[in-house]
Amino acid sequence: METSIQIEVRPTEIDVMGHVNNAKYLEYMEWSREDWYNRSQLPFDVFTDMNVGTVTVNININYRKEARLGEKLTIFTRPIKKGRTSYVLEHEIVNDQGERVADAEVTSVTIDLEKRKSVPLPADLARQFDVATKG
């Protein structure tokens, strides 16, 4: 399932170059990931009840076009790949003109919250990727 959120660039997100600071894009993507989990019926407390946590282990991001104060951006999130204990979500940020501002692949691993070791993906999470590859 693909989800999206919309944001408006705020003054606190601008750097000395007059555009969105690179680190803010990671926050935008994090907000969108949280929304994806919630819409997938996998909010934080569901993972906690299973004694499972998700840990981001790698982010590959491409900055393609600057975004400036007041611009409205849409952040899309979609599942693209799963492994035994890891999975990859793709993010795409576009402006109101439909131009790609940034995109990234974010790899996460599921862990046992007590042992702090990786564990296989819970079935409900893995199923999100099965649906994605069939559609």
N, C-alpha and C. Protein backbone atom coordinates (compact mmCIF):
# COMPACT_ATOMS: atom_id res chain seq x y z
N MET A 1 0.84 -1.17 0.00
CA MET A 1 0.00 0.00 0.00
C MET A 1 0.89 1.25 0.00
N GLU A 2 0.56 2.16 -0.87
CA GLU A 2 1.24 3.46 -0.90
C GLU A 2 0.42 4.46 -0.09
N THR A 3 1.10 5.24 0.71
CA THR A 3 0.44 6.30 1.47
C THR A 3 1.14 7.62 1.15
N SER A 4 0.49 8.72 1.54
CA SER A 4 1.13 10.02 1.36
C SER A 4 0.66 10.98 2.44
N ILE A 5 1.53 11.91 2.76
CA ILE A 5 1.18 13.02 3.65
C ILE A 5 1.59 14.30 2.95
N GLN A 6 0.99 15.40 3.36
CA GLN A 6 1.36 16.70 2.80
C GLN A 6 1.84 17.60 3.92
N ILE A 7 2.86 18.38 3.62
CA ILE A 7 3.39 19.32 4.60
C ILE A 7 3.64 20.66 3.89
N GLU A 8 3.78 21.69 4.69
CA GLU A 8 4.19 23.00 4.18
C GLU A 8 5.51 23.34 4.85
N VAL A 9 6.50 23.74 4.05
CA VAL A 9 7.82 24.05 4.57
C VAL A 9 7.74 25.26 5.50
N ARG A 10 8.26 25.08 6.72
CA ARG A 10 8.19 26.11 7.76
C ARG A 10 9.54 26.82 7.91
N PRO A 11 9.53 28.01 8.51
CA PRO A 11 10.77 28.78 8.66
C PRO A 11 11.87 28.04 9.42
N THR A 12 11.52 27.20 10.38
CA THR A 12 12.52 26.49 11.17
C THR A 12 13.20 25.37 10.39
N GLU A 13 12.73 25.09 9.17
CA GLU A 13 13.29 24.01 8.36
C GLU A 13 14.25 24.52 7.29
N ILE A 14 14.43 25.83 7.24
CA ILE A 14 15.27 26.47 6.22
C ILE A 14 16.68 26.67 6.77
N ASP A 15 17.68 26.44 5.93
CA ASP A 15 19.08 26.65 6.35
C ASP A 15 19.61 27.97 5.77
N VAL A 16 20.89 28.23 5.96
CA VAL A 16 21.49 29.50 5.53
C VAL A 16 21.49 29.67 4.01
N MET A 17 21.27 28.59 3.27
CA MET A 17 21.19 28.67 1.81
C MET A 17 19.80 29.09 1.34
N GLY A 18 18.85 29.20 2.27
CA GLY A 18 17.50 29.63 1.92
C GLY A 18 16.60 28.52 1.42
N HIS A 19 17.02 27.28 1.62
CA HIS A 19 16.17 26.14 1.24
C HIS A 19 16.11 25.15 2.40
N VAL A 20 15.31 24.10 2.23
CA VAL A 20 15.15 23.11 3.30
C VAL A 20 16.50 22.46 3.61
N ASN A 21 16.83 22.43 4.88
CA ASN A 21 18.05 21.77 5.33
C ASN A 21 17.97 20.28 5.05
N ASN A 22 19.08 19.69 4.63
CA ASN A 22 19.08 18.28 4.23
C ASN A 22 18.54 17.34 5.30
N ALA A 23 18.81 17.61 6.56
CA ALA A 23 18.35 16.72 7.64
C ALA A 23 16.83 16.74 7.78
N LYS A 24 16.20 17.82 7.38
CA LYS A 24 14.74 17.92 7.50
C LYS A 24 14.03 16.93 6.59
N TYR A 25 14.63 16.61 5.45
CA TYR A 25 14.02 15.64 4.56
C TYR A 25 13.88 14.29 5.26
N LEU A 26 14.86 13.94 6.10
CA LEU A 26 14.78 12.69 6.86
C LEU A 26 13.60 12.72 7.82
N GLU A 27 13.35 13.89 8.43
CA GLU A 27 12.19 14.03 9.31
C GLU A 27 10.89 13.88 8.53
N TYR A 28 10.81 14.52 7.37
CA TYR A 28 9.61 14.40 6.55
C TYR A 28 9.32 12.93 6.25
N MET A 29 10.38 12.21 5.90
CA MET A 29 10.23 10.80 5.57
C MET A 29 9.84 9.98 6.79
N GLU A 30 10.37 10.34 7.94
CA GLU A 30 10.00 9.65 9.18
C GLU A 30 8.52 9.85 9.48
N TRP A 31 8.04 11.08 9.31
CA TRP A 31 6.61 11.34 9.53
C TRP A 31 5.77 10.50 8.58
N SER A 32 6.20 10.39 7.35
CA SER A 32 5.46 9.62 6.36
C SER A 32 5.51 8.13 6.67
N ARG A 33 6.65 7.64 7.15
CA ARG A 33 6.76 6.22 7.55
C ARG A 33 5.79 5.92 8.68
N GLU A 34 5.74 6.81 9.66
CA GLU A 34 4.82 6.62 10.80
C GLU A 34 3.38 6.54 10.30
N ASP A 35 3.03 7.40 9.36
CA ASP A 35 1.70 7.38 8.78
C ASP A 35 1.47 6.06 8.04
N TRP A 36 2.48 5.57 7.31
CA TRP A 36 2.36 4.29 6.60
C TRP A 36 2.09 3.15 7.57
N TYR A 37 2.85 3.09 8.68
CA TYR A 37 2.62 2.05 9.69
C TYR A 37 1.19 2.12 10.22
N ASN A 38 0.74 3.32 10.55
CA ASN A 38 -0.61 3.48 11.11
C ASN A 38 -1.68 3.05 10.12
N ARG A 39 -1.55 3.46 8.86
CA ARG A 39 -2.55 3.08 7.85
C ARG A 39 -2.48 1.60 7.49
N SER A 40 -1.34 0.99 7.78
CA SER A 40 -1.18 -0.45 7.54
C SER A 40 -1.66 -1.26 8.74
N GLN A 41 -2.27 -0.58 9.70
CA GLN A 41 -2.75 -1.23 10.93
C GLN A 41 -1.59 -1.79 11.75
N LEU A 42 -0.44 -1.11 11.68
CA LEU A 42 0.75 -1.52 12.43
C LEU A 42 1.32 -0.36 13.24
N PRO A 43 0.50 0.27 14.08
CA PRO A 43 1.04 1.36 14.89
C PRO A 43 2.04 0.83 15.92
N PHE A 44 2.77 1.75 16.51
CA PHE A 44 3.84 1.41 17.45
C PHE A 44 3.40 0.41 18.51
N ASP A 45 2.22 0.60 19.09
CA ASP A 45 1.79 -0.28 20.19
C ASP A 45 1.56 -1.72 19.73
N VAL A 46 1.21 -1.92 18.46
CA VAL A 46 1.04 -3.29 17.94
C VAL A 46 2.38 -4.01 17.94
N PHE A 47 3.42 -3.34 17.50
CA PHE A 47 4.76 -3.93 17.53
C PHE A 47 5.19 -4.20 18.98
N THR A 48 4.95 -3.25 19.85
CA THR A 48 5.33 -3.41 21.26
C THR A 48 4.64 -4.61 21.88
N ASP A 49 3.36 -4.78 21.57
CA ASP A 49 2.62 -5.94 22.10
C ASP A 49 3.22 -7.25 21.62
N MET A 50 3.87 -7.25 20.45
CA MET A 50 4.53 -8.45 19.92
C MET A 50 5.97 -8.56 20.42
N ASN A 51 6.41 -7.59 21.25
CA ASN A 51 7.79 -7.52 21.71
C ASN A 51 8.76 -7.31 20.55
N VAL A 52 8.31 -6.54 19.55
CA VAL A 52 9.12 -6.28 18.36
C VAL A 52 9.29 -4.78 18.19
N GLY A 53 10.50 -4.40 17.80
CA GLY A 53 10.78 -3.02 17.46
C GLY A 53 11.30 -2.96 16.04
N THR A 54 11.26 -1.77 15.45
CA THR A 54 11.83 -1.57 14.12
C THR A 54 12.99 -0.58 14.25
N VAL A 55 14.09 -0.92 13.63
CA VAL A 55 15.29 -0.10 13.70
C VAL A 55 15.74 0.25 12.28
N THR A 56 15.92 1.52 12.02
CA THR A 56 16.44 1.96 10.72
C THR A 56 17.94 1.67 10.69
N VAL A 57 18.38 0.94 9.67
CA VAL A 57 19.79 0.57 9.58
C VAL A 57 20.51 1.19 8.39
N ASN A 58 19.74 1.71 7.41
CA ASN A 58 20.38 2.32 6.25
C ASN A 58 19.39 3.25 5.56
N ILE A 59 19.90 4.40 5.14
CA ILE A 59 19.10 5.32 4.34
C ILE A 59 19.95 5.78 3.16
N ASN A 60 19.42 5.57 1.96
CA ASN A 60 20.05 6.09 0.74
C ASN A 60 19.12 7.15 0.19
N ILE A 61 19.57 8.40 0.24
CA ILE A 61 18.71 9.51 -0.15
C ILE A 61 19.34 10.28 -1.31
N ASN A 62 18.49 10.72 -2.21
CA ASN A 62 18.90 11.56 -3.32
C ASN A 62 18.18 12.89 -3.20
N TYR A 63 18.95 13.97 -3.15
CA TYR A 63 18.39 15.31 -3.12
C TYR A 63 18.36 15.81 -4.56
N ARG A 64 17.19 16.07 -5.10
CA ARG A 64 17.06 16.33 -6.52
C ARG A 64 16.73 17.78 -6.87
N LYS A 65 16.01 18.46 -6.01
CA LYS A 65 15.61 19.84 -6.29
C LYS A 65 15.37 20.53 -4.94
N GLU A 66 15.78 21.76 -4.83
CA GLU A 66 15.58 22.44 -3.56
C GLU A 66 14.12 22.76 -3.32
N ALA A 67 13.75 22.77 -2.04
CA ALA A 67 12.42 23.19 -1.62
C ALA A 67 12.62 24.43 -0.74
N ARG A 68 11.69 25.37 -0.86
CA ARG A 68 11.85 26.65 -0.19
C ARG A 68 10.67 26.93 0.74
N LEU A 69 10.84 27.95 1.54
CA LEU A 69 9.84 28.35 2.53
C LEU A 69 8.45 28.47 1.90
N GLY A 70 7.45 27.88 2.57
CA GLY A 70 6.07 27.98 2.15
C GLY A 70 5.64 26.97 1.10
N GLU A 71 6.59 26.26 0.49
CA GLU A 71 6.21 25.27 -0.52
C GLU A 71 5.44 24.13 0.13
N LYS A 72 4.49 23.61 -0.61
CA LYS A 72 3.74 22.44 -0.16
C LYS A 72 4.37 21.21 -0.81
N LEU A 73 4.68 20.24 0.04
CA LEU A 73 5.32 19.02 -0.43
C LEU A 73 4.45 17.82 -0.08
N THR A 74 4.48 16.82 -0.94
CA THR A 74 3.80 15.56 -0.68
C THR A 74 4.87 14.49 -0.54
N ILE A 75 4.78 13.71 0.53
CA ILE A 75 5.73 12.64 0.79
C ILE A 75 5.00 11.31 0.62
N PHE A 76 5.42 10.53 -0.36
CA PHE A 76 4.84 9.22 -0.62
C PHE A 76 5.70 8.15 0.04
N THR A 77 5.07 7.11 0.56
CA THR A 77 5.77 5.98 1.15
C THR A 77 5.16 4.70 0.60
N ARG A 78 6.04 3.78 0.17
CA ARG A 78 5.55 2.51 -0.35
C ARG A 78 6.55 1.41 0.00
N PRO A 79 6.06 0.19 0.24
CA PRO A 79 6.94 -0.95 0.49
C PRO A 79 7.52 -1.45 -0.83
N ILE A 80 8.81 -1.76 -0.83
CA ILE A 80 9.39 -2.26 -2.08
C ILE A 80 10.12 -3.60 -1.96
N LYS A 81 10.59 -3.94 -0.76
CA LYS A 81 11.37 -5.18 -0.68
C LYS A 81 11.37 -5.69 0.76
N LYS A 82 11.31 -7.00 0.91
CA LYS A 82 11.42 -7.60 2.24
C LYS A 82 12.42 -8.73 2.22
N GLY A 83 13.08 -8.90 3.34
CA GLY A 83 13.96 -10.03 3.57
C GLY A 83 13.42 -10.82 4.73
N ARG A 84 14.27 -11.61 5.35
CA ARG A 84 13.84 -12.41 6.50
C ARG A 84 13.61 -11.52 7.72
N THR A 85 14.57 -10.63 7.99
CA THR A 85 14.46 -9.75 9.17
C THR A 85 14.48 -8.27 8.79
N SER A 86 14.63 -7.98 7.51
CA SER A 86 14.73 -6.58 7.08
C SER A 86 13.70 -6.28 6.00
N TYR A 87 13.47 -5.01 5.80
CA TYR A 87 12.54 -4.57 4.76
C TYR A 87 12.92 -3.16 4.32
N VAL A 88 12.49 -2.81 3.13
CA VAL A 88 12.83 -1.51 2.55
C VAL A 88 11.54 -0.78 2.18
N LEU A 89 11.46 0.46 2.65
CA LEU A 89 10.38 1.36 2.26
C LEU A 89 10.99 2.45 1.38
N GLU A 90 10.26 2.81 0.34
CA GLU A 90 10.71 3.86 -0.56
C GLU A 90 9.91 5.13 -0.27
N HIS A 91 10.60 6.25 -0.27
CA HIS A 91 9.96 7.55 -0.09
C HIS A 91 10.23 8.40 -1.33
N GLU A 92 9.24 9.18 -1.68
CA GLU A 92 9.39 10.14 -2.76
C GLU A 92 8.73 11.44 -2.30
N ILE A 93 9.47 12.53 -2.42
CA ILE A 93 8.95 13.85 -2.05
C ILE A 93 8.80 14.66 -3.32
N VAL A 94 7.59 15.18 -3.55
CA VAL A 94 7.33 15.99 -4.73
C VAL A 94 6.72 17.33 -4.32
N ASN A 95 6.96 18.34 -5.15
CA ASN A 95 6.39 19.66 -4.89
C ASN A 95 5.06 19.79 -5.62
N ASP A 96 4.42 20.95 -5.47
CA ASP A 96 3.11 21.17 -6.10
C ASP A 96 3.15 21.12 -7.62
N GLN A 97 4.32 21.31 -8.21
CA GLN A 97 4.45 21.24 -9.66
C GLN A 97 4.68 19.79 -10.13
N GLY A 98 4.69 18.86 -9.19
CA GLY A 98 4.91 17.46 -9.54
C GLY A 98 6.38 17.11 -9.73
N GLU A 99 7.27 18.04 -9.38
CA GLU A 99 8.71 17.79 -9.53
C GLU A 99 9.23 17.01 -8.32
N ARG A 100 10.07 16.04 -8.60
CA ARG A 100 10.66 15.25 -7.53
C ARG A 100 11.71 16.10 -6.81
N VAL A 101 11.52 16.27 -5.53
CA VAL A 101 12.44 17.05 -4.70
C VAL A 101 13.51 16.14 -4.09
N ALA A 102 13.08 14.96 -3.63
CA ALA A 102 14.01 13.99 -3.05
C ALA A 102 13.36 12.61 -3.09
N ASP A 103 14.20 11.59 -3.01
CA ASP A 103 13.70 10.22 -2.88
C ASP A 103 14.71 9.42 -2.08
N ALA A 104 14.24 8.36 -1.49
CA ALA A 104 15.12 7.55 -0.64
C ALA A 104 14.59 6.15 -0.50
N GLU A 105 15.52 5.24 -0.21
CA GLU A 105 15.18 3.90 0.22
C GLU A 105 15.67 3.76 1.65
N VAL A 106 14.77 3.34 2.53
CA VAL A 106 15.07 3.23 3.95
C VAL A 106 14.96 1.75 4.35
N THR A 107 16.07 1.19 4.80
CA THR A 107 16.09 -0.20 5.23
C THR A 107 15.96 -0.26 6.74
N SER A 108 15.04 -1.09 7.20
CA SER A 108 14.83 -1.29 8.63
C SER A 108 14.92 -2.77 8.95
N VAL A 109 15.18 -3.06 10.22
CA VAL A 109 15.27 -4.43 10.71
C VAL A 109 14.32 -4.55 11.90
N THR A 110 13.66 -5.70 12.00
CA THR A 110 12.83 -5.96 13.17
C THR A 110 13.67 -6.66 14.23
N ILE A 111 13.51 -6.19 15.47
CA ILE A 111 14.30 -6.75 16.57
C ILE A 111 13.40 -7.16 17.73
N ASP A 112 13.89 -8.11 18.52
CA ASP A 112 13.27 -8.49 19.78
C ASP A 112 13.60 -7.37 20.77
N LEU A 113 12.59 -6.77 21.37
CA LEU A 113 12.82 -5.61 22.24
C LEU A 113 13.60 -5.94 23.50
N GLU A 114 13.53 -7.16 23.97
CA GLU A 114 14.28 -7.53 25.17
C GLU A 114 15.70 -7.97 24.85
N LYS A 115 15.85 -8.84 23.86
CA LYS A 115 17.17 -9.37 23.50
C LYS A 115 17.98 -8.43 22.63
N ARG A 116 17.29 -7.45 21.99
CA ARG A 116 17.94 -6.48 21.10
C ARG A 116 18.67 -7.17 19.96
N LYS A 117 18.07 -8.23 19.46
CA LYS A 117 18.59 -9.00 18.33
C LYS A 117 17.52 -9.06 17.25
N SER A 118 17.96 -9.20 16.01
CA SER A 118 17.01 -9.25 14.91
C SER A 118 16.12 -10.50 15.01
N VAL A 119 14.89 -10.33 14.53
CA VAL A 119 13.92 -11.42 14.49
C VAL A 119 13.22 -11.37 13.13
N PRO A 120 12.64 -12.49 12.72
CA PRO A 120 11.90 -12.48 11.44
C PRO A 120 10.78 -11.44 11.46
N LEU A 121 10.46 -10.94 10.27
CA LEU A 121 9.38 -9.97 10.15
C LEU A 121 8.08 -10.57 10.67
N PRO A 122 7.34 -9.83 11.47
CA PRO A 122 6.01 -10.31 11.86
C PRO A 122 5.15 -10.50 10.60
N ALA A 123 4.26 -11.47 10.64
CA ALA A 123 3.44 -11.81 9.48
C ALA A 123 2.65 -10.60 8.96
N ASP A 124 2.10 -9.79 9.85
CA ASP A 124 1.30 -8.64 9.40
C ASP A 124 2.15 -7.62 8.64
N LEU A 125 3.41 -7.48 9.03
CA LEU A 125 4.30 -6.58 8.31
C LEU A 125 4.71 -7.21 6.97
N ALA A 126 5.10 -8.46 6.99
CA ALA A 126 5.52 -9.15 5.76
C ALA A 126 4.40 -9.12 4.72
N ARG A 127 3.18 -9.25 5.17
CA ARG A 127 2.02 -9.27 4.27
C ARG A 127 1.89 -7.95 3.48
N GLN A 128 2.31 -6.84 4.06
CA GLN A 128 2.26 -5.55 3.37
C GLN A 128 3.12 -5.57 2.10
N PHE A 129 4.17 -6.34 2.12
CA PHE A 129 5.06 -6.44 0.97
C PHE A 129 4.52 -7.42 -0.06
N ASP A 130 3.84 -8.45 0.40
CA ASP A 130 3.21 -9.40 -0.52
C ASP A 130 2.14 -8.70 -1.33
N VAL A 131 1.36 -7.87 -0.68
CA VAL A 131 0.31 -7.10 -1.35
C VAL A 131 0.93 -6.13 -2.35
N ALA A 132 2.04 -5.50 -1.96
CA ALA A 132 2.71 -4.52 -2.82
C ALA A 132 3.22 -5.15 -4.10
N THR A 133 3.76 -6.36 -4.01
CA THR A 133 4.33 -6.98 -5.20
C THR A 133 3.26 -7.58 -6.12
N LYS A 134 2.06 -7.84 -5.59
CA LYS A 134 0.99 -8.38 -6.41
C LYS A 134 0.25 -7.29 -7.16
N GLY A 135 0.25 -6.07 -6.59
CA GLY A 135 -0.52 -4.97 -7.19
C GLY A 135 0.22 -4.30 -8.23
